[in-house]
């Protein structure tokens, strides 16, 4: 377990084998928790408002490309600007409003299975639990291992989400609790 601060914890575990020096067949898992100092309704409304995240943080364009937003089987295309300029294709596997979302993401030859659970905790706070499983083969031609980059970027997004939620809640902005498009 790697502790990055007293309130944000990253758990990482890797299992894999190197079959030759140019390819890695990783099966890695990681998870972390992010406490948010505002109610579950606010956190969920901000999280599901994809327009809020366009051209912010690590993201460029984000759009639904198939299906209805947040329905099982719907597809989201997310462009990242940093640390690598690429596109991520996500397929919603499960969605329960104000509770959880699961999706498969495909990027650079890696498939990421992600589960995000939102839980209201005492004093009007929220705890977000994220777990990811990464599977795939990626050439070492990038010059670095992509899995730690995915872990850092994912954690960074949720830390940014917490800040945004706290700002929205503190500003008294009237957000709808319906999933955004």
Foldseek 3Di string as FASTA:
>chain_A
DDQPDPAKRKAKDWDFDDPDDFKTWIKIKMKMKHKAQAALLLLLLLVLAVVNPDPDDQWHDKDWDDDDRPDAQTWIWIAGNPPDGWIKIKGWHDDDQSFKTWIWIDDQFKIKTKIWGWDQDPPRMIMIMMMIIIGGMHTCVVVDDCVVVVVVSVSVVVVVSSVVSNVCVVVVPDGDSDRHD
